[in-house]
Amino acid sequence: MVGLGSGPQDIAQYLISHMSPDKRRECEHRLVQDYYFHLTGGDLHPRDYSLEQCWADYRHGGAERWVWLLLLLTTMCPDSMVQYFHDQLRAFTADHCIDETNVGMPRV
């Protein structure tokens, strides 16, 4: 499932879906940083879209999209699959200090 949104959000969605938390932790900074530098190509001024903003879009956008997606999957997937994605999202949100006090609206 890919929706309209940001590239960093799509990266997070993919990593949450397809990588173990340990593997994701190993490479997520590098992947987001590589995405940012390919996106900007050195031409985008950091005040227009900084690496810090890109990282925030990755963290929050990915979590916020997955909150929505997890709810959708509960109506379509077996319980074991829903549990897998729940655990993946839980690890991601714990790693990035995202909880009910600072999560935004789901991004689709």
PDB file of N, CA and C in Angstrom:
ATOM      1  N   MET A   1       0.856  -1.173   0.000  1.00  0.00           N
ATOM      2  CA  MET A   1       0.000   0.000   0.000  1.00  0.00           C
ATOM      3  C   MET A   1       0.892   1.222   0.000  1.00  0.00           C
ATOM      4  N   VAL A   2       0.733   2.061  -0.967  1.00  0.00           N
ATOM      5  CA  VAL A   2       1.452   3.325  -1.029  1.00  0.00           C
ATOM      6  C   VAL A   2       0.415   4.405  -1.230  1.00  0.00           C
ATOM      7  N   GLY A   3       0.510   5.446  -0.455  1.00  0.00           N
ATOM      8  CA  GLY A   3      -0.426   6.551  -0.580  1.00  0.00           C
ATOM      9  C   GLY A   3       0.301   7.812  -0.981  1.00  0.00           C
ATOM     10  N   LEU A   4      -0.445   8.862  -1.149  1.00  0.00           N
ATOM     11  CA  LEU A   4       0.170  10.150  -1.398  1.00  0.00           C
ATOM     12  C   LEU A   4       0.810  10.596  -0.102  1.00  0.00           C
ATOM     13  N   GLY A   5       2.015  10.980  -0.185  1.00  0.00           N
ATOM     14  CA  GLY A   5       2.725  11.384   1.017  1.00  0.00           C
ATOM     15  C   GLY A   5       4.159  11.668   0.676  1.00  0.00           C
ATOM     16  N   SER A   6       4.955  11.677   1.672  1.00  0.00           N
ATOM     17  CA  SER A   6       6.356  12.012   1.473  1.00  0.00           C
ATOM     18  C   SER A   6       7.198  10.753   1.286  1.00  0.00           C
ATOM     19  N   GLY A   7       8.323  10.944   0.647  1.00  0.00           N
ATOM     20  CA  GLY A   7       9.266   9.842   0.472  1.00  0.00           C
ATOM     21  C   GLY A   7       9.741   9.260   1.789  1.00  0.00           C
ATOM     22  N   PRO A   8      10.118  10.106   2.751  1.00  0.00           N
ATOM     23  CA  PRO A   8      10.548   9.551   4.039  1.00  0.00           C
ATOM     24  C   PRO A   8       9.458   8.714   4.714  1.00  0.00           C
ATOM     25  N   GLN A   9       8.239   9.112   4.555  1.00  0.00           N
ATOM     26  CA  GLN A   9       7.107   8.351   5.086  1.00  0.00           C
ATOM     27  C   GLN A   9       7.035   6.983   4.406  1.00  0.00           C
ATOM     28  N   ASP A  10       7.216   6.946   3.104  1.00  0.00           N
ATOM     29  CA  ASP A  10       7.213   5.677   2.370  1.00  0.00           C
ATOM     30  C   ASP A  10       8.364   4.779   2.811  1.00  0.00           C
ATOM     31  N   ILE A  11       9.538   5.380   3.054  1.00  0.00           N
ATOM     32  CA  ILE A  11      10.682   4.598   3.525  1.00  0.00           C
ATOM     33  C   ILE A  11      10.337   3.938   4.856  1.00  0.00           C
ATOM     34  N   ALA A  12       9.771   4.702   5.770  1.00  0.00           N
ATOM     35  CA  ALA A  12       9.399   4.147   7.075  1.00  0.00           C
ATOM     36  C   ALA A  12       8.383   3.029   6.923  1.00  0.00           C
ATOM     37  N   GLN A  13       7.383   3.242   6.098  1.00  0.00           N
ATOM     38  CA  GLN A  13       6.368   2.214   5.903  1.00  0.00           C
ATOM     39  C   GLN A  13       7.014   0.926   5.406  1.00  0.00           C
ATOM     40  N   TYR A  14       7.919   1.035   4.466  1.00  0.00           N
ATOM     41  CA  TYR A  14       8.574  -0.143   3.909  1.00  0.00           C
ATOM     42  C   TYR A  14       9.443  -0.840   4.952  1.00  0.00           C
ATOM     43  N   LEU A  15      10.229  -0.058   5.691  1.00  0.00           N
ATOM     44  CA  LEU A  15      11.126  -0.663   6.674  1.00  0.00           C
ATOM     45  C   LEU A  15      10.339  -1.327   7.806  1.00  0.00           C
ATOM     46  N   ILE A  16       9.264  -0.709   8.244  1.00  0.00           N
ATOM     47  CA  ILE A  16       8.433  -1.315   9.282  1.00  0.00           C
ATOM     48  C   ILE A  16       7.859  -2.636   8.773  1.00  0.00           C
ATOM     49  N   SER A  17       7.454  -2.662   7.525  1.00  0.00           N
ATOM     50  CA  SER A  17       6.856  -3.866   6.940  1.00  0.00           C
ATOM     51  C   SER A  17       7.854  -4.986   6.714  1.00  0.00           C
ATOM     52  N   HIS A  18       9.059  -4.640   6.282  1.00  0.00           N
ATOM     53  CA  HIS A  18       9.939  -5.646   5.710  1.00  0.00           C
ATOM     54  C   HIS A  18      11.241  -5.924   6.451  1.00  0.00           C
ATOM     55  N   MET A  19      11.543  -5.187   7.494  1.00  0.00           N
ATOM     56  CA  MET A  19      12.812  -5.404   8.192  1.00  0.00           C
ATOM     57  C   MET A  19      12.579  -5.703   9.653  1.00  0.00           C
ATOM     58  N   SER A  20      13.419  -6.562  10.168  1.00  0.00           N
ATOM     59  CA  SER A  20      13.369  -6.774  11.613  1.00  0.00           C
ATOM     60  C   SER A  20      13.773  -5.459  12.288  1.00  0.00           C
ATOM     61  N   PRO A  21      13.289  -5.222  13.493  1.00  0.00           N
ATOM     62  CA  PRO A  21      13.677  -3.989  14.187  1.00  0.00           C
ATOM     63  C   PRO A  21      15.190  -3.822  14.306  1.00  0.00           C
ATOM     64  N   ASP A  22      15.916  -4.908  14.564  1.00  0.00           N
ATOM     65  CA  ASP A  22      17.371  -4.798  14.693  1.00  0.00           C
ATOM     66  C   ASP A  22      18.014  -4.340  13.386  1.00  0.00           C
ATOM     67  N   LYS A  23      17.593  -4.928  12.289  1.00  0.00           N
ATOM     68  CA  LYS A  23      18.146  -4.546  10.975  1.00  0.00           C
ATOM     69  C   LYS A  23      17.761  -3.109  10.632  1.00  0.00           C
ATOM     70  N   ARG A  24      16.508  -2.743  10.912  1.00  0.00           N
ATOM     71  CA  ARG A  24      16.060  -1.371  10.650  1.00  0.00           C
ATOM     72  C   ARG A  24      16.910  -0.382  11.426  1.00  0.00           C
ATOM     73  N   ARG A  25      17.147  -0.672  12.689  1.00  0.00           N
ATOM     74  CA  ARG A  25      17.961   0.232  13.521  1.00  0.00           C
ATOM     75  C   ARG A  25      19.360   0.420  12.938  1.00  0.00           C
ATOM     76  N   GLU A  26      19.897  -0.644  12.368  1.00  0.00           N
ATOM     77  CA  GLU A  26      21.244  -0.588  11.787  1.00  0.00           C
ATOM     78  C   GLU A  26      21.339   0.357  10.598  1.00  0.00           C
ATOM     79  N   CYS A  27      20.289   0.429   9.792  1.00  0.00           N
ATOM     80  CA  CYS A  27      20.440   1.125   8.512  1.00  0.00           C
ATOM     81  C   CYS A  27      19.515   2.316   8.309  1.00  0.00           C
ATOM     82  N   GLU A  28      18.566   2.581   9.199  1.00  0.00           N
ATOM     83  CA  GLU A  28      17.578   3.621   8.915  1.00  0.00           C
ATOM     84  C   GLU A  28      18.194   5.010   8.784  1.00  0.00           C
ATOM     85  N   HIS A  29      19.158   5.341   9.623  1.00  0.00           N
ATOM     86  CA  HIS A  29      19.768   6.675   9.495  1.00  0.00           C
ATOM     87  C   HIS A  29      20.434   6.841   8.136  1.00  0.00           C
ATOM     88  N   ARG A  30      21.176   5.829   7.733  1.00  0.00           N
ATOM     89  CA  ARG A  30      21.868   5.895   6.440  1.00  0.00           C
ATOM     90  C   ARG A  30      20.874   5.974   5.287  1.00  0.00           C
ATOM     91  N   LEU A  31      19.813   5.176   5.335  1.00  0.00           N
ATOM     92  CA  LEU A  31      18.838   5.184   4.253  1.00  0.00           C
ATOM     93  C   LEU A  31      18.120   6.523   4.131  1.00  0.00           C
ATOM     94  N   VAL A  32      17.730   7.091   5.262  1.00  0.00           N
ATOM     95  CA  VAL A  32      17.047   8.395   5.222  1.00  0.00           C
ATOM     96  C   VAL A  32      18.022   9.477   4.760  1.00  0.00           C
ATOM     97  N   GLN A  33      19.232   9.408   5.240  1.00  0.00           N
ATOM     98  CA  GLN A  33      20.229  10.388   4.820  1.00  0.00           C
ATOM     99  C   GLN A  33      20.523  10.260   3.322  1.00  0.00           C
ATOM    100  N   ASP A  34      20.665   9.052   2.825  1.00  0.00           N
ATOM    101  CA  ASP A  34      20.883   8.853   1.384  1.00  0.00           C
ATOM    102  C   ASP A  34      19.707   9.380   0.576  1.00  0.00           C
ATOM    103  N   TYR A  35      18.491   9.089   1.035  1.00  0.00           N
ATOM    104  CA  TYR A  35      17.302   9.613   0.362  1.00  0.00           C
ATOM    105  C   TYR A  35      17.360  11.141   0.320  1.00  0.00           C
ATOM    106  N   TYR A  36      17.660  11.753   1.446  1.00  0.00           N
ATOM    107  CA  TYR A  36      17.694  13.214   1.530  1.00  0.00           C
ATOM    108  C   TYR A  36      18.706  13.797   0.542  1.00  0.00           C
ATOM    109  N   PHE A  37      19.893  13.229   0.496  1.00  0.00           N
ATOM    110  CA  PHE A  37      20.911  13.783  -0.389  1.00  0.00           C
ATOM    111  C   PHE A  37      20.591  13.533  -1.858  1.00  0.00           C
ATOM    112  N   HIS A  38      19.927  12.440  -2.174  1.00  0.00           N
ATOM    113  CA  HIS A  38      19.480  12.231  -3.559  1.00  0.00           C
ATOM    114  C   HIS A  38      18.324  13.164  -3.901  1.00  0.00           C
ATOM    115  N   LEU A  39      17.460  13.404  -2.939  1.00  0.00           N
ATOM    116  CA  LEU A  39      16.338  14.324  -3.152  1.00  0.00           C
ATOM    117  C   LEU A  39      16.833  15.735  -3.418  1.00  0.00           C
ATOM    118  N   THR A  40      17.742  16.186  -2.595  1.00  0.00           N
ATOM    119  CA  THR A  40      18.188  17.568  -2.711  1.00  0.00           C
ATOM    120  C   THR A  40      19.217  17.756  -3.806  1.00  0.00           C
ATOM    121  N   GLY A  41      19.998  16.741  -4.070  1.00  0.00           N
ATOM    122  CA  GLY A  41      21.035  16.858  -5.083  1.00  0.00           C
ATOM    123  C   GLY A  41      21.970  18.024  -4.827  1.00  0.00           C
ATOM    124  N   GLY A  42      22.017  18.480  -3.586  1.00  0.00           N
ATOM    125  CA  GLY A  42      22.864  19.606  -3.235  1.00  0.00           C
ATOM    126  C   GLY A  42      22.271  20.948  -3.602  1.00  0.00           C
ATOM    127  N   ASP A  43      21.076  20.969  -4.244  1.00  0.00           N
ATOM    128  CA  ASP A  43      20.491  22.228  -4.714  1.00  0.00           C
ATOM    129  C   ASP A  43      19.474  22.827  -3.756  1.00  0.00           C
ATOM    130  N   LEU A  44      18.913  22.018  -2.890  1.00  0.00           N
ATOM    131  CA  LEU A  44      17.883  22.499  -1.984  1.00  0.00           C
ATOM    132  C   LEU A  44      18.546  23.110  -0.761  1.00  0.00           C
ATOM    133  N   HIS A  45      18.191  24.321  -0.462  1.00  0.00           N
ATOM    134  CA  HIS A  45      18.774  24.988   0.694  1.00  0.00           C
ATOM    135  C   HIS A  45      18.200  24.352   1.957  1.00  0.00           C
ATOM    136  N   PRO A  46      19.046  24.070   2.944  1.00  0.00           N
ATOM    137  CA  PRO A  46      18.565  23.404   4.157  1.00  0.00           C
ATOM    138  C   PRO A  46      17.388  24.090   4.840  1.00  0.00           C
ATOM    139  N   ARG A  47      17.244  25.387   4.684  1.00  0.00           N
ATOM    140  CA  ARG A  47      16.105  26.033   5.335  1.00  0.00           C
ATOM    141  C   ARG A  47      14.790  25.716   4.623  1.00  0.00           C
ATOM    142  N   ASP A  48      14.868  25.276   3.352  1.00  0.00           N
ATOM    143  CA  ASP A  48      13.666  24.880   2.618  1.00  0.00           C
ATOM    144  C   ASP A  48      13.175  23.502   3.070  1.00  0.00           C
ATOM    145  N   TYR A  49      14.086  22.585   3.252  1.00  0.00           N
ATOM    146  CA  TYR A  49      13.758  21.243   3.740  1.00  0.00           C
ATOM    147  C   TYR A  49      15.045  20.641   4.275  1.00  0.00           C
ATOM    148  N   SER A  50      15.193  20.669   5.568  1.00  0.00           N
ATOM    149  CA  SER A  50      16.432  20.218   6.194  1.00  0.00           C
ATOM    150  C   SER A  50      16.438  18.707   6.394  1.00  0.00           C
ATOM    151  N   LEU A  51      17.619  18.190   6.639  1.00  0.00           N
ATOM    152  CA  LEU A  51      17.758  16.780   6.970  1.00  0.00           C
ATOM    153  C   LEU A  51      16.965  16.469   8.237  1.00  0.00           C
ATOM    154  N   GLU A  52      16.930  17.389   9.170  1.00  0.00           N
ATOM    155  CA  GLU A  52      16.158  17.190  10.399  1.00  0.00           C
ATOM    156  C   GLU A  52      14.662  17.079  10.092  1.00  0.00           C
ATOM    157  N   GLN A  53      14.170  17.885   9.155  1.00  0.00           N
ATOM    158  CA  GLN A  53      12.763  17.784   8.751  1.00  0.00           C
ATOM    159  C   GLN A  53      12.498  16.445   8.052  1.00  0.00           C
ATOM    160  N   CYS A  54      13.432  16.026   7.247  1.00  0.00           N
ATOM    161  CA  CYS A  54      13.309  14.744   6.555  1.00  0.00           C
ATOM    162  C   CYS A  54      13.244  13.609   7.581  1.00  0.00           C
ATOM    163  N   TRP A  55      14.105  13.661   8.577  1.00  0.00           N
ATOM    164  CA  TRP A  55      14.129  12.646   9.619  1.00  0.00           C
ATOM    165  C   TRP A  55      12.807  12.656  10.404  1.00  0.00           C
ATOM    166  N   ALA A  56      12.278  13.827  10.703  1.00  0.00           N
ATOM    167  CA  ALA A  56      10.994  13.928  11.403  1.00  0.00           C
ATOM    168  C   ALA A  56       9.857  13.364  10.545  1.00  0.00           C
ATOM    169  N   ASP A  57       9.896  13.630   9.238  1.00  0.00           N
ATOM    170  CA  ASP A  57       8.885  13.069   8.338  1.00  0.00           C
ATOM    171  C   ASP A  57       8.968  11.546   8.312  1.00  0.00           C
ATOM    172  N   TYR A  58      10.177  11.033   8.359  1.00  0.00           N
ATOM    173  CA  TYR A  58      10.373   9.583   8.410  1.00  0.00           C
ATOM    174  C   TYR A  58       9.765   9.014   9.689  1.00  0.00           C
ATOM    175  N   ARG A  59      10.143   9.564  10.809  1.00  0.00           N
ATOM    176  CA  ARG A  59       9.702   9.035  12.103  1.00  0.00           C
ATOM    177  C   ARG A  59       8.197   9.184  12.299  1.00  0.00           C
ATOM    178  N   HIS A  60       7.730  10.407  12.217  1.00  0.00           N
ATOM    179  CA  HIS A  60       6.323  10.645  12.513  1.00  0.00           C
ATOM    180  C   HIS A  60       5.421  10.223  11.355  1.00  0.00           C
ATOM    181  N   GLY A  61       5.813  10.528  10.137  1.00  0.00           N
ATOM    182  CA  GLY A  61       4.992  10.137   8.995  1.00  0.00           C
ATOM    183  C   GLY A  61       4.838   8.634   8.887  1.00  0.00           C
ATOM    184  N   GLY A  62       5.930   7.918   9.109  1.00  0.00           N
ATOM    185  CA  GLY A  62       5.856   6.459   9.062  1.00  0.00           C
ATOM    186  C   GLY A  62       4.959   5.889  10.140  1.00  0.00           C
ATOM    187  N   ALA A  63       5.124   6.371  11.357  1.00  0.00           N
ATOM    188  CA  ALA A  63       4.294   5.886  12.466  1.00  0.00           C
ATOM    189  C   ALA A  63       2.833   6.255  12.243  1.00  0.00           C
ATOM    190  N   GLU A  64       2.595   7.475  11.829  1.00  0.00           N
ATOM    191  CA  GLU A  64       1.214   7.933  11.651  1.00  0.00           C
ATOM    192  C   GLU A  64       0.517   7.182  10.520  1.00  0.00           C
ATOM    193  N   ARG A  65       1.231   6.896   9.460  1.00  0.00           N
ATOM    194  CA  ARG A  65       0.624   6.114   8.379  1.00  0.00           C
ATOM    195  C   ARG A  65       0.346   4.692   8.862  1.00  0.00           C
ATOM    196  N   TRP A  66       1.284   4.120   9.613  1.00  0.00           N
ATOM    197  CA  TRP A  66       1.100   2.747  10.054  1.00  0.00           C
ATOM    198  C   TRP A  66      -0.025   2.600  11.061  1.00  0.00           C
ATOM    199  N   VAL A  67      -0.312   3.616  11.846  1.00  0.00           N
ATOM    200  CA  VAL A  67      -1.462   3.549  12.754  1.00  0.00           C
ATOM    201  C   VAL A  67      -2.727   3.314  11.931  1.00  0.00           C
ATOM    202  N   TRP A  68      -2.884   4.069  10.878  1.00  0.00           N
ATOM    203  CA  TRP A  68      -4.046   3.922   9.988  1.00  0.00           C
ATOM    204  C   TRP A  68      -4.036   2.561   9.302  1.00  0.00           C
ATOM    205  N   LEU A  69      -2.874   2.191   8.787  1.00  0.00           N
ATOM    206  CA  LEU A  69      -2.770   0.949   8.036  1.00  0.00           C
ATOM    207  C   LEU A  69      -3.025  -0.262   8.929  1.00  0.00           C
ATOM    208  N   LEU A  70      -2.546  -0.225  10.156  1.00  0.00           N
ATOM    209  CA  LEU A  70      -2.761  -1.343  11.066  1.00  0.00           C
ATOM    210  C   LEU A  70      -4.254  -1.557  11.319  1.00  0.00           C
ATOM    211  N   LEU A  71      -4.968  -0.472  11.498  1.00  0.00           N
ATOM    212  CA  LEU A  71      -6.414  -0.596  11.694  1.00  0.00           C
ATOM    213  C   LEU A  71      -7.086  -1.212  10.470  1.00  0.00           C
ATOM    214  N   LEU A  72      -6.658  -0.810   9.303  1.00  0.00           N
ATOM    215  CA  LEU A  72      -7.210  -1.372   8.068  1.00  0.00           C
ATOM    216  C   LEU A  72      -6.898  -2.865   7.965  1.00  0.00           C
ATOM    217  N   LEU A  73      -5.687  -3.245   8.291  1.00  0.00           N
ATOM    218  CA  LEU A  73      -5.285  -4.646   8.174  1.00  0.00           C
ATOM    219  C   LEU A  73      -6.063  -5.555   9.115  1.00  0.00           C
ATOM    220  N   THR A  74      -6.514  -5.035  10.256  1.00  0.00           N
ATOM    221  CA  THR A  74      -7.267  -5.881  11.188  1.00  0.00           C
ATOM    222  C   THR A  74      -8.559  -6.397  10.571  1.00  0.00           C
ATOM    223  N   THR A  75      -9.047  -5.715   9.556  1.00  0.00           N
ATOM    224  CA  THR A  75     -10.288  -6.156   8.907  1.00  0.00           C
ATOM    225  C   THR A  75     -10.036  -7.106   7.739  1.00  0.00           C
ATOM    226  N   MET A  76      -8.759  -7.271   7.349  1.00  0.00           N
ATOM    227  CA  MET A  76      -8.461  -8.026   6.130  1.00  0.00           C
ATOM    228  C   MET A  76      -7.484  -9.180   6.315  1.00  0.00           C
ATOM    229  N   CYS A  77      -6.749  -9.205   7.404  1.00  0.00           N
ATOM    230  CA  CYS A  77      -5.642 -10.147   7.538  1.00  0.00           C
ATOM    231  C   CYS A  77      -5.839 -11.090   8.721  1.00  0.00           C
ATOM    232  N   PRO A  78      -5.171 -12.230   8.671  1.00  0.00           N
ATOM    233  CA  PRO A  78      -5.226 -13.139   9.817  1.00  0.00           C
ATOM    234  C   PRO A  78      -4.589 -12.496  11.055  1.00  0.00           C
ATOM    235  N   ASP A  79      -5.015 -12.959  12.213  1.00  0.00           N
ATOM    236  CA  ASP A  79      -4.523 -12.391  13.466  1.00  0.00           C
ATOM    237  C   ASP A  79      -3.004 -12.440  13.577  1.00  0.00           C
ATOM    238  N   SER A  80      -2.388 -13.510  13.101  1.00  0.00           N
ATOM    239  CA  SER A  80      -0.928 -13.623  13.213  1.00  0.00           C
ATOM    240  C   SER A  80      -0.221 -12.533  12.408  1.00  0.00           C
ATOM    241  N   MET A  81      -0.780 -12.178  11.261  1.00  0.00           N
ATOM    242  CA  MET A  81      -0.193 -11.119  10.446  1.00  0.00           C
ATOM    243  C   MET A  81      -0.381  -9.757  11.118  1.00  0.00           C
ATOM    244  N   VAL A  82      -1.554  -9.530  11.651  1.00  0.00           N
ATOM    245  CA  VAL A  82      -1.820  -8.272  12.364  1.00  0.00           C
ATOM    246  C   VAL A  82      -0.878  -8.152  13.548  1.00  0.00           C
ATOM    247  N   GLN A  83      -0.655  -9.253  14.260  1.00  0.00           N
ATOM    248  CA  GLN A  83       0.258  -9.224  15.410  1.00  0.00           C
ATOM    249  C   GLN A  83       1.677  -8.874  14.977  1.00  0.00           C
ATOM    250  N   TYR A  84       2.121  -9.440  13.864  1.00  0.00           N
ATOM    251  CA  TYR A  84       3.450  -9.130  13.334  1.00  0.00           C
ATOM    252  C   TYR A  84       3.595  -7.630  13.082  1.00  0.00           C
ATOM    253  N   PHE A  85       2.646  -7.046  12.373  1.00  0.00           N
ATOM    254  CA  PHE A  85       2.730  -5.622  12.063  1.00  0.00           C
ATOM    255  C   PHE A  85       2.570  -4.764  13.317  1.00  0.00           C
ATOM    256  N   HIS A  86       1.745  -5.202  14.235  1.00  0.00           N
ATOM    257  CA  HIS A  86       1.630  -4.499  15.515  1.00  0.00           C
ATOM    258  C   HIS A  86       2.982  -4.451  16.216  1.00  0.00           C
ATOM    259  N   ASP A  87       3.652  -5.600  16.273  1.00  0.00           N
ATOM    260  CA  ASP A  87       4.946  -5.666  16.953  1.00  0.00           C
ATOM    261  C   ASP A  87       5.990  -4.818  16.237  1.00  0.00           C
ATOM    262  N   GLN A  88       5.949  -4.819  14.915  1.00  0.00           N
ATOM    263  CA  GLN A  88       6.877  -3.991  14.139  1.00  0.00           C
ATOM    264  C   GLN A  88       6.651  -2.505  14.433  1.00  0.00           C
ATOM    265  N   LEU A  89       5.381  -2.093  14.415  1.00  0.00           N
ATOM    266  CA  LEU A  89       5.049  -0.691  14.690  1.00  0.00           C
ATOM    267  C   LEU A  89       5.408  -0.328  16.124  1.00  0.00           C
ATOM    268  N   ARG A  90       5.148  -1.219  17.036  1.00  0.00           N
ATOM    269  CA  ARG A  90       5.476  -0.969  18.444  1.00  0.00           C
ATOM    270  C   ARG A  90       6.975  -0.736  18.621  1.00  0.00           C
ATOM    271  N   ALA A  91       7.806  -1.546  17.985  1.00  0.00           N
ATOM    272  CA  ALA A  91       9.254  -1.363  18.074  1.00  0.00           C
ATOM    273  C   ALA A  91       9.673  -0.019  17.476  1.00  0.00           C
ATOM    274  N   PHE A  92       9.091   0.332  16.334  1.00  0.00           N
ATOM    275  CA  PHE A  92       9.423   1.593  15.662  1.00  0.00           C
ATOM    276  C   PHE A  92       9.054   2.786  16.539  1.00  0.00           C
ATOM    277  N   THR A  93       7.834   2.779  17.083  1.00  0.00           N
ATOM    278  CA  THR A  93       7.400   3.916  17.905  1.00  0.00           C
ATOM    279  C   THR A  93       8.210   3.999  19.196  1.00  0.00           C
ATOM    280  N   ALA A  94       8.557   2.861  19.778  1.00  0.00           N
ATOM    281  CA  ALA A  94       9.392   2.881  20.988  1.00  0.00           C
ATOM    282  C   ALA A  94      10.775   3.444  20.673  1.00  0.00           C
ATOM    283  N   ASP A  95      11.356   3.026  19.560  1.00  0.00           N
ATOM    284  CA  ASP A  95      12.689   3.504  19.175  1.00  0.00           C
ATOM    285  C   ASP A  95      12.715   5.008  18.935  1.00  0.00           C
ATOM    286  N   HIS A  96      11.590   5.560  18.488  1.00  0.00           N
ATOM    287  CA  HIS A  96      11.547   6.975  18.119  1.00  0.00           C
ATOM    288  C   HIS A  96      10.732   7.825  19.092  1.00  0.00           C
ATOM    289  N   CYS A  97      10.459   7.253  20.263  1.00  0.00           N
ATOM    290  CA  CYS A  97       9.764   7.989  21.336  1.00  0.00           C
ATOM    291  C   CYS A  97       8.447   8.595  20.855  1.00  0.00           C
ATOM    292  N   ILE A  98       7.709   7.834  20.102  1.00  0.00           N
ATOM    293  CA  ILE A  98       6.396   8.270  19.623  1.00  0.00           C
ATOM    294  C   ILE A  98       5.352   7.535  20.447  1.00  0.00           C
ATOM    295  N   ASP A  99       4.471   8.306  21.054  1.00  0.00           N
ATOM    296  CA  ASP A  99       3.414   7.713  21.862  1.00  0.00           C
ATOM    297  C   ASP A  99       2.145   8.545  21.734  1.00  0.00           C
ATOM    298  N   GLU A 100       1.165   8.247  22.561  1.00  0.00           N
ATOM    299  CA  GLU A 100      -0.126   8.927  22.442  1.00  0.00           C
ATOM    300  C   GLU A 100      -0.045  10.421  22.706  1.00  0.00           C
ATOM    301  N   THR A 101       1.031  10.886  23.327  1.00  0.00           N
ATOM    302  CA  THR A 101       1.152  12.319  23.610  1.00  0.00           C
ATOM    303  C   THR A 101       1.703  13.125  22.441  1.00  0.00           C
ATOM    304  N   ASN A 102       2.345  12.458  21.480  1.00  0.00           N
ATOM    305  CA  ASN A 102       2.972  13.232  20.411  1.00  0.00           C
ATOM    306  C   ASN A 102       2.731  12.669  19.005  1.00  0.00           C
ATOM    307  N   VAL A 103       1.890  11.660  18.884  1.00  0.00           N
ATOM    308  CA  VAL A 103       1.584  11.146  17.562  1.00  0.00           C
ATOM    309  C   VAL A 103       0.562  12.065  16.898  1.00  0.00           C
ATOM    310  N   GLY A 104       0.749  12.297  15.617  1.00  0.00           N
ATOM    311  CA  GLY A 104      -0.181  13.168  14.882  1.00  0.00           C
ATOM    312  C   GLY A 104      -1.292  12.346  14.254  1.00  0.00           C
ATOM    313  N   MET A 105      -2.067  13.020  13.454  1.00  0.00           N
ATOM    314  CA  MET A 105      -3.148  12.356  12.726  1.00  0.00           C
ATOM    315  C   MET A 105      -2.555  11.359  11.731  1.00  0.00           C
ATOM    316  N   PRO A 106      -3.242  10.252  11.517  1.00  0.00           N
ATOM    317  CA  PRO A 106      -2.741   9.278  10.539  1.00  0.00           C
ATOM    318  C   PRO A 106      -2.546   9.923   9.171  1.00  0.00           C
ATOM    319  N   ARG A 107      -1.434   9.572   8.549  1.00  0.00           N
ATOM    320  CA  ARG A 107      -1.128  10.044   7.201  1.00  0.00           C
ATOM    321  C   ARG A 107      -1.370   8.892   6.257  1.00  0.00           C
ATOM    322  N   VAL A 108      -2.122   9.125   5.230  1.00  0.00           N
ATOM    323  CA  VAL A 108      -2.447   8.059   4.279  1.00  0.00           C
ATOM    324  C   VAL A 108      -1.628   8.242   3.025  1.00  0.00           C
TER     325      VAL A 108
END
